[in-house]
Structure formats: C-alpha cells, structure tokens
Amino acid sequence: NDTGVTLDVDGRKVHVFNIHLDDSPYQPYQLLNIEYGDAPFLKTADEAIASAQMTREGGLKLLFADMEEAGEADAAFVFGDFNEPSHTDWTEAAVKAGHQPLAVEWPTVKAIEARGFVDTFRAKFPDVAARPAFTWTPTSEPTAKDDHHDRIDFALAKGAKLEVLAAGIVGEKSPEADVVVTPWPSDHRATYAKV
C-alpha cells in the first residue's frame, strides 16, 4: 500500500511509515458548528468518535496491513497528517484550560498506540494544558470563529528501550513553535522528536 519503507540504520532494521488520512468530514469543526463542505454538525463525543472511525478506518487498514507485511523491526515510526486530534489532547484538563470544547477519545492515535507506538510529543510533554502544541493551523488566529486550532500532525515511535529525548513543534513564529522557520511554507506546523 506504499505507506512505508524499511531502512537499515547502522545494522538495525527500522520501519518508517507516513500517512495522510482523510480530512473530510473534519469532526472538530462538526462539533464546533464550523461549516466544512456539507458535513452535518455533531453534538456529542460519541458522535464524533463514530464519524472519525468511519472517515479514517480505510486509511488505517492500509497502514496496518503494511505493518503486518513489514514484520518486526528494531524500531518503527509513524509520521503524518492524521487530520484528527489525539485523545491525549481532548481531555478534561484541556477543556478546563480552554483549549477544547469537550473531552473526546479520538480513535486514530489510540489505534496506533494499541500496536505499541508512543506519541513522542505527549511522552515528553504530558501536560496538555501547558503544552497544547497546535499544528493546525498557522493560517488563522486562535480566536478565529471559523477555525479551531489543534494538534493533528504526529510522530509516533515504537522500539525496545524507547526513550524520547526531545520533542517539539516547527513553525512560523514563537511561542507557537519551538523551532522557527521563516518563511513558513505550509498550512500545518510540523512536529519533531529525538528518540
């Protein structure tokens, strides 16, 4: 399915997968009554989870098939634009901090974590209230009523004795980005990690 490659890194077998999952319908917008195509608005976390599963399950099946075919490795990574937030970012703590409208157990990152992967950014920065790390989007202000800032780009890692040494966000300006690049070329910020 062409979602990844296997590399030899100093004699170690490393799988690297990259995904760009469907962006429509985009459930955070649906929950916030932000129009995006003809997607209906949603009212509950359960509705959002069900919609997210239907939207992205096809892409995840391709990824998981490639993982199965690739087999075991010394380390594996999944990078990409998931077009869905993480369950670790839409928590009660995030709601209290004003970052999210409600707690939602978003399914995509959870499904990959169930295969032994670690969200490198949240491993390094577990306090979502202090470090929301929005990758979507540098093209609008956080106060915009027709948008919602979120973390939908991820670097997930798996390996024996995995330790996340550093993690951060790359983007157009501080404090939104830990590493600033000008001019910034994308409508997403990037995420990085050193493991």
C-alpha atoms as a PDB file:
ATOM      1  CA  ASN A   1       0.000   0.000   0.000  1.00  0.00           C
ATOM      2  CA  ASP A   2       3.097   2.210  -0.098  1.00  0.00           C
ATOM      3  CA  THR A   3       2.671   3.659   3.392  1.00  0.00           C
ATOM      4  CA  GLY A   4       6.224   2.915   4.448  1.00  0.00           C
ATOM      5  CA  VAL A   5       9.763   1.731   3.852  1.00  0.00           C
ATOM      6  CA  THR A   6      12.286  -0.379   5.721  1.00  0.00           C
ATOM      7  CA  LEU A   7      15.695   1.132   6.347  1.00  0.00           C
ATOM      8  CA  ASP A   8      18.997  -0.267   7.534  1.00  0.00           C
ATOM      9  CA  VAL A   9      20.343   2.153  10.149  1.00  0.00           C
ATOM     10  CA  ASP A  10      23.791   1.032  11.254  1.00  0.00           C
ATOM     11  CA  GLY A  11      22.724  -2.605  11.046  1.00  0.00           C
ATOM     12  CA  ARG A  12      19.362  -2.029  12.732  1.00  0.00           C
ATOM     13  CA  LYS A  13      16.100  -2.667  10.910  1.00  0.00           C
ATOM     14  CA  VAL A  14      13.820   0.399  11.048  1.00  0.00           C
ATOM     15  CA  HIS A  15      10.314   0.717   9.583  1.00  0.00           C
ATOM     16  CA  VAL A  16       9.186   4.229   8.657  1.00  0.00           C
ATOM     17  CA  PHE A  17       5.520   4.816   7.797  1.00  0.00           C
ATOM     18  CA  ASN A  18       3.897   8.047   6.656  1.00  0.00           C
ATOM     19  CA  ILE A  19       0.162   8.650   6.392  1.00  0.00           C
ATOM     20  CA  HIS A  20      -2.117  11.472   5.331  1.00  0.00           C
ATOM     21  CA  LEU A  21      -5.614  10.499   6.396  1.00  0.00           C
ATOM     22  CA  ASP A  22      -8.903  11.925   5.089  1.00  0.00           C
ATOM     23  CA  ASP A  23      -9.717  15.457   6.177  1.00  0.00           C
ATOM     24  CA  SER A  24     -13.421  15.422   5.448  1.00  0.00           C
ATOM     25  CA  PRO A  25     -15.578  15.335   7.340  1.00  0.00           C
ATOM     26  CA  TYR A  26     -13.466  17.065   9.976  1.00  0.00           C
ATOM     27  CA  GLN A  27     -15.042  16.212  13.313  1.00  0.00           C
ATOM     28  CA  PRO A  28     -13.644  19.120  15.413  1.00  0.00           C
ATOM     29  CA  TYR A  29     -15.357  21.533  13.016  1.00  0.00           C
ATOM     30  CA  GLN A  30     -18.528  19.456  13.127  1.00  0.00           C
ATOM     31  CA  LEU A  31     -18.546  19.668  16.942  1.00  0.00           C
ATOM     32  CA  LEU A  32     -17.994  23.435  16.867  1.00  0.00           C
ATOM     33  CA  ASN A  33     -20.613  24.169  14.175  1.00  0.00           C
ATOM     34  CA  ILE A  34     -17.956  25.350  11.718  1.00  0.00           C
ATOM     35  CA  GLU A  35     -19.056  24.700   8.151  1.00  0.00           C
ATOM     36  CA  TYR A  36     -16.758  22.446   6.117  1.00  0.00           C
ATOM     37  CA  GLY A  37     -18.324  21.078   2.977  1.00  0.00           C
ATOM     38  CA  ASP A  38     -21.730  19.547   3.566  1.00  0.00           C
ATOM     39  CA  ALA A  39     -20.797  17.655   6.747  1.00  0.00           C
ATOM     40  CA  PRO A  40     -23.537  17.681   9.393  1.00  0.00           C
ATOM     41  CA  PHE A  41     -22.837  19.201  12.784  1.00  0.00           C
ATOM     42  CA  LEU A  42     -22.246  16.847  15.710  1.00  0.00           C
ATOM     43  CA  LYS A  43     -23.330  17.238  19.314  1.00  0.00           C
ATOM     44  CA  THR A  44     -21.570  14.545  21.342  1.00  0.00           C
ATOM     45  CA  ALA A  45     -18.185  12.906  21.798  1.00  0.00           C
ATOM     46  CA  ASP A  46     -19.692   9.553  20.804  1.00  0.00           C
ATOM     47  CA  GLU A  47     -20.949  11.017  17.511  1.00  0.00           C
ATOM     48  CA  ALA A  48     -17.501  12.479  16.831  1.00  0.00           C
ATOM     49  CA  ILE A  49     -15.753   9.182  17.557  1.00  0.00           C
ATOM     50  CA  ALA A  50     -18.107   7.228  15.285  1.00  0.00           C
ATOM     51  CA  SER A  51     -17.663   9.763  12.480  1.00  0.00           C
ATOM     52  CA  ALA A  52     -13.871   9.767  12.877  1.00  0.00           C
ATOM     53  CA  GLN A  53     -13.754   5.967  12.697  1.00  0.00           C
ATOM     54  CA  MET A  54     -15.823   5.914   9.503  1.00  0.00           C
ATOM     55  CA  THR A  55     -13.723   8.686   7.954  1.00  0.00           C
ATOM     56  CA  ARG A  56     -10.275   7.218   8.618  1.00  0.00           C
ATOM     57  CA  GLU A  57     -10.686   3.467   9.048  1.00  0.00           C
ATOM     58  CA  GLY A  58      -9.849   2.772   5.386  1.00  0.00           C
ATOM     59  CA  GLY A  59      -6.502   4.566   5.647  1.00  0.00           C
ATOM     60  CA  LEU A  60      -5.702   2.831   8.925  1.00  0.00           C
ATOM     61  CA  LYS A  61      -6.436  -0.579   7.399  1.00  0.00           C
ATOM     62  CA  LEU A  62      -3.853   0.128   4.677  1.00  0.00           C
ATOM     63  CA  LEU A  63      -1.300   1.236   7.266  1.00  0.00           C
ATOM     64  CA  PHE A  64      -1.897  -1.789   9.491  1.00  0.00           C
ATOM     65  CA  ALA A  65      -1.682  -4.174   6.514  1.00  0.00           C
ATOM     66  CA  ASP A  66       1.702  -2.697   5.625  1.00  0.00           C
ATOM     67  CA  MET A  67       2.841  -3.014   9.251  1.00  0.00           C
ATOM     68  CA  GLU A  68       1.864  -6.682   9.262  1.00  0.00           C
ATOM     69  CA  GLU A  69       3.674  -7.298   5.984  1.00  0.00           C
ATOM     70  CA  ALA A  70       6.796  -5.462   7.200  1.00  0.00           C
ATOM     71  CA  GLY A  71       7.047  -7.619  10.326  1.00  0.00           C
ATOM     72  CA  GLU A  72       9.185  -6.939  13.360  1.00  0.00           C
ATOM     73  CA  ALA A  73      11.929  -4.326  13.491  1.00  0.00           C
ATOM     74  CA  ASP A  74      14.336  -2.779  15.962  1.00  0.00           C
ATOM     75  CA  ALA A  75      12.313   0.435  15.731  1.00  0.00           C
ATOM     76  CA  ALA A  76       9.286   1.730  13.852  1.00  0.00           C
ATOM     77  CA  PHE A  77       7.865   5.193  13.259  1.00  0.00           C
ATOM     78  CA  VAL A  78       4.564   6.578  12.006  1.00  0.00           C
ATOM     79  CA  PHE A  79       4.580  10.186  10.833  1.00  0.00           C
ATOM     80  CA  GLY A  80       1.957  12.266   9.160  1.00  0.00           C
ATOM     81  CA  ASP A  81      -1.075  14.452   8.953  1.00  0.00           C
ATOM     82  CA  PHE A  82      -3.741  12.417  10.696  1.00  0.00           C
ATOM     83  CA  ASN A  83      -6.461  15.059  10.176  1.00  0.00           C
ATOM     84  CA  GLU A  84      -7.754  14.060  13.591  1.00  0.00           C
ATOM     85  CA  PRO A  85      -6.699  15.179  17.071  1.00  0.00           C
ATOM     86  CA  SER A  86      -5.370  12.860  19.740  1.00  0.00           C
ATOM     87  CA  HIS A  87      -7.318  11.504  22.679  1.00  0.00           C
ATOM     88  CA  THR A  88      -4.481  12.880  24.838  1.00  0.00           C
ATOM     89  CA  ASP A  89      -5.277  16.434  23.716  1.00  0.00           C
ATOM     90  CA  TRP A  90      -9.072  16.478  24.128  1.00  0.00           C
ATOM     91  CA  THR A  91      -9.143  15.736  27.842  1.00  0.00           C
ATOM     92  CA  GLU A  92     -10.953  17.291  30.784  1.00  0.00           C
ATOM     93  CA  ALA A  93      -7.719  19.179  31.565  1.00  0.00           C
ATOM     94  CA  ALA A  94      -7.721  20.623  28.030  1.00  0.00           C
ATOM     95  CA  VAL A  95     -11.364  21.623  28.441  1.00  0.00           C
ATOM     96  CA  LYS A  96     -10.609  23.374  31.749  1.00  0.00           C
ATOM     97  CA  ALA A  97      -7.684  25.188  30.099  1.00  0.00           C
ATOM     98  CA  GLY A  98      -9.994  26.419  27.335  1.00  0.00           C
ATOM     99  CA  HIS A  99      -8.189  24.529  24.565  1.00  0.00           C
ATOM    100  CA  GLN A 100     -11.049  22.170  23.675  1.00  0.00           C
ATOM    101  CA  PRO A 101     -14.836  22.255  23.888  1.00  0.00           C
ATOM    102  CA  LEU A 102     -15.232  18.757  25.378  1.00  0.00           C
ATOM    103  CA  ALA A 103     -13.298  15.577  26.130  1.00  0.00           C
ATOM    104  CA  VAL A 104     -13.183  13.144  23.191  1.00  0.00           C
ATOM    105  CA  GLU A 105     -11.413   9.767  22.973  1.00  0.00           C
ATOM    106  CA  TRP A 106     -10.346  10.238  19.342  1.00  0.00           C
ATOM    107  CA  PRO A 107      -9.706   6.770  17.858  1.00  0.00           C
ATOM    108  CA  THR A 108      -6.831   7.023  15.367  1.00  0.00           C
ATOM    109  CA  VAL A 109      -3.843   7.708  17.620  1.00  0.00           C
ATOM    110  CA  LYS A 110      -5.331   5.265  20.146  1.00  0.00           C
ATOM    111  CA  ALA A 111      -5.449   2.524  17.490  1.00  0.00           C
ATOM    112  CA  ILE A 112      -1.785   3.042  16.600  1.00  0.00           C
ATOM    113  CA  GLU A 113      -0.765   3.230  20.263  1.00  0.00           C
ATOM    114  CA  ALA A 114      -2.539  -0.102  20.782  1.00  0.00           C
ATOM    115  CA  ARG A 115       0.147  -1.551  18.500  1.00  0.00           C
ATOM    116  CA  GLY A 116       2.869  -0.412  20.897  1.00  0.00           C
ATOM    117  CA  PHE A 117       3.605   3.057  19.498  1.00  0.00           C
ATOM    118  CA  VAL A 118       4.223   6.130  21.662  1.00  0.00           C
ATOM    119  CA  ASP A 119       3.108   9.683  20.887  1.00  0.00           C
ATOM    120  CA  THR A 120       6.562  11.260  21.154  1.00  0.00           C
ATOM    121  CA  PHE A 121       5.342  14.788  21.859  1.00  0.00           C
ATOM    122  CA  ARG A 122       2.964  13.764  24.674  1.00  0.00           C
ATOM    123  CA  ALA A 123       5.611  11.420  26.107  1.00  0.00           C
ATOM    124  CA  LYS A 124       7.868  14.441  26.554  1.00  0.00           C
ATOM    125  CA  PHE A 125       5.104  16.948  27.405  1.00  0.00           C
ATOM    126  CA  PRO A 126       2.186  15.155  29.111  1.00  0.00           C
ATOM    127  CA  ASP A 127       0.571  18.375  30.417  1.00  0.00           C
ATOM    128  CA  VAL A 128      -1.871  19.277  27.634  1.00  0.00           C
ATOM    129  CA  ALA A 129      -2.955  22.452  29.438  1.00  0.00           C
ATOM    130  CA  ALA A 130       0.615  23.783  29.465  1.00  0.00           C
ATOM    131  CA  ARG A 131       1.650  22.473  26.012  1.00  0.00           C
ATOM    132  CA  PRO A 132      -1.278  22.103  23.601  1.00  0.00           C
ATOM    133  CA  ALA A 133       1.188  22.173  20.647  1.00  0.00           C
ATOM    134  CA  PHE A 134      -1.209  23.152  17.889  1.00  0.00           C
ATOM    135  CA  THR A 135      -0.022  22.071  14.449  1.00  0.00           C
ATOM    136  CA  TRP A 136      -3.266  23.096  12.752  1.00  0.00           C
ATOM    137  CA  THR A 137      -3.103  25.886  11.679  1.00  0.00           C
ATOM    138  CA  PRO A 138      -0.696  28.824  11.382  1.00  0.00           C
ATOM    139  CA  THR A 139      -3.020  30.469   8.841  1.00  0.00           C
ATOM    140  CA  SER A 140      -5.555  31.797  11.364  1.00  0.00           C
ATOM    141  CA  GLU A 141      -5.575  33.336  14.807  1.00  0.00           C
ATOM    142  CA  PRO A 142      -6.564  31.135  17.772  1.00  0.00           C
ATOM    143  CA  THR A 143      -9.553  33.435  18.334  1.00  0.00           C
ATOM    144  CA  ALA A 144     -10.973  32.898  14.818  1.00  0.00           C
ATOM    145  CA  LYS A 145     -14.607  31.765  14.940  1.00  0.00           C
ATOM    146  CA  ASP A 146     -14.362  29.921  11.597  1.00  0.00           C
ATOM    147  CA  ASP A 147     -11.416  27.743  12.613  1.00  0.00           C
ATOM    148  CA  HIS A 148     -10.158  25.664  15.528  1.00  0.00           C
ATOM    149  CA  HIS A 149      -6.505  25.152  16.386  1.00  0.00           C
ATOM    150  CA  ASP A 150      -5.441  21.602  17.200  1.00  0.00           C
ATOM    151  CA  ARG A 151      -2.611  19.074  17.084  1.00  0.00           C
ATOM    152  CA  ILE A 152      -3.301  16.752  14.150  1.00  0.00           C
ATOM    153  CA  ASP A 153       0.268  16.033  12.979  1.00  0.00           C
ATOM    154  CA  PHE A 154       2.198  13.347  14.814  1.00  0.00           C
ATOM    155  CA  ALA A 155       5.480  11.480  15.190  1.00  0.00           C
ATOM    156  CA  LEU A 156       4.763   8.127  16.838  1.00  0.00           C
ATOM    157  CA  ALA A 157       7.566   5.724  17.717  1.00  0.00           C
ATOM    158  CA  LYS A 158       7.990   2.097  18.790  1.00  0.00           C
ATOM    159  CA  GLY A 159      11.081   0.245  19.919  1.00  0.00           C
ATOM    160  CA  ALA A 160      12.688  -1.672  22.720  1.00  0.00           C
ATOM    161  CA  LYS A 161      14.006   0.657  25.410  1.00  0.00           C
ATOM    162  CA  LEU A 162      12.458   3.647  23.595  1.00  0.00           C
ATOM    163  CA  GLU A 163      13.245   6.948  25.293  1.00  0.00           C
ATOM    164  CA  VAL A 164      12.022  10.296  23.986  1.00  0.00           C
ATOM    165  CA  LEU A 165      14.948  12.666  24.442  1.00  0.00           C
ATOM    166  CA  ALA A 166      13.421  15.744  22.829  1.00  0.00           C
ATOM    167  CA  ALA A 167      10.243  16.787  21.044  1.00  0.00           C
ATOM    168  CA  GLY A 168       8.740  19.966  19.740  1.00  0.00           C
ATOM    169  CA  ILE A 169       6.911  21.922  17.086  1.00  0.00           C
ATOM    170  CA  VAL A 170       8.394  23.583  13.998  1.00  0.00           C
ATOM    171  CA  GLY A 171       6.577  26.584  12.574  1.00  0.00           C
ATOM    172  CA  GLU A 172       6.378  30.217  11.652  1.00  0.00           C
ATOM    173  CA  LYS A 173       6.835  32.020  14.979  1.00  0.00           C
ATOM    174  CA  SER A 174       7.348  31.688  18.700  1.00  0.00           C
ATOM    175  CA  PRO A 175       5.726  30.795  21.096  1.00  0.00           C
ATOM    176  CA  GLU A 176       3.664  28.509  18.824  1.00  0.00           C
ATOM    177  CA  ALA A 177       6.851  26.860  17.512  1.00  0.00           C
ATOM    178  CA  ASP A 178       9.946  25.631  19.310  1.00  0.00           C
ATOM    179  CA  VAL A 179      11.912  25.857  16.064  1.00  0.00           C
ATOM    180  CA  VAL A 180      11.083  28.863  13.863  1.00  0.00           C
ATOM    181  CA  VAL A 181      11.418  28.750  10.063  1.00  0.00           C
ATOM    182  CA  THR A 182      10.738  31.886   8.018  1.00  0.00           C
ATOM    183  CA  PRO A 183       9.027  31.963   5.673  1.00  0.00           C
ATOM    184  CA  TRP A 184       6.930  29.026   6.824  1.00  0.00           C
ATOM    185  CA  PRO A 185       5.748  27.067   3.746  1.00  0.00           C
ATOM    186  CA  SER A 186       2.697  25.152   4.988  1.00  0.00           C
ATOM    187  CA  ASP A 187      -0.789  25.447   6.443  1.00  0.00           C
ATOM    188  CA  HIS A 188       0.338  22.965   9.137  1.00  0.00           C
ATOM    189  CA  ARG A 189       3.125  23.229  11.660  1.00  0.00           C
ATOM    190  CA  ALA A 190       5.461  20.233  11.868  1.00  0.00           C
ATOM    191  CA  THR A 191       6.354  18.053  14.818  1.00  0.00           C
ATOM    192  CA  TYR A 192       9.745  16.531  15.581  1.00  0.00           C
ATOM    193  CA  ALA A 193      11.262  14.182  18.108  1.00  0.00           C
ATOM    194  CA  LYS A 194      14.620  12.727  19.039  1.00  0.00           C
ATOM    195  CA  VAL A 195      14.420   9.202  20.419  1.00  0.00           C
END
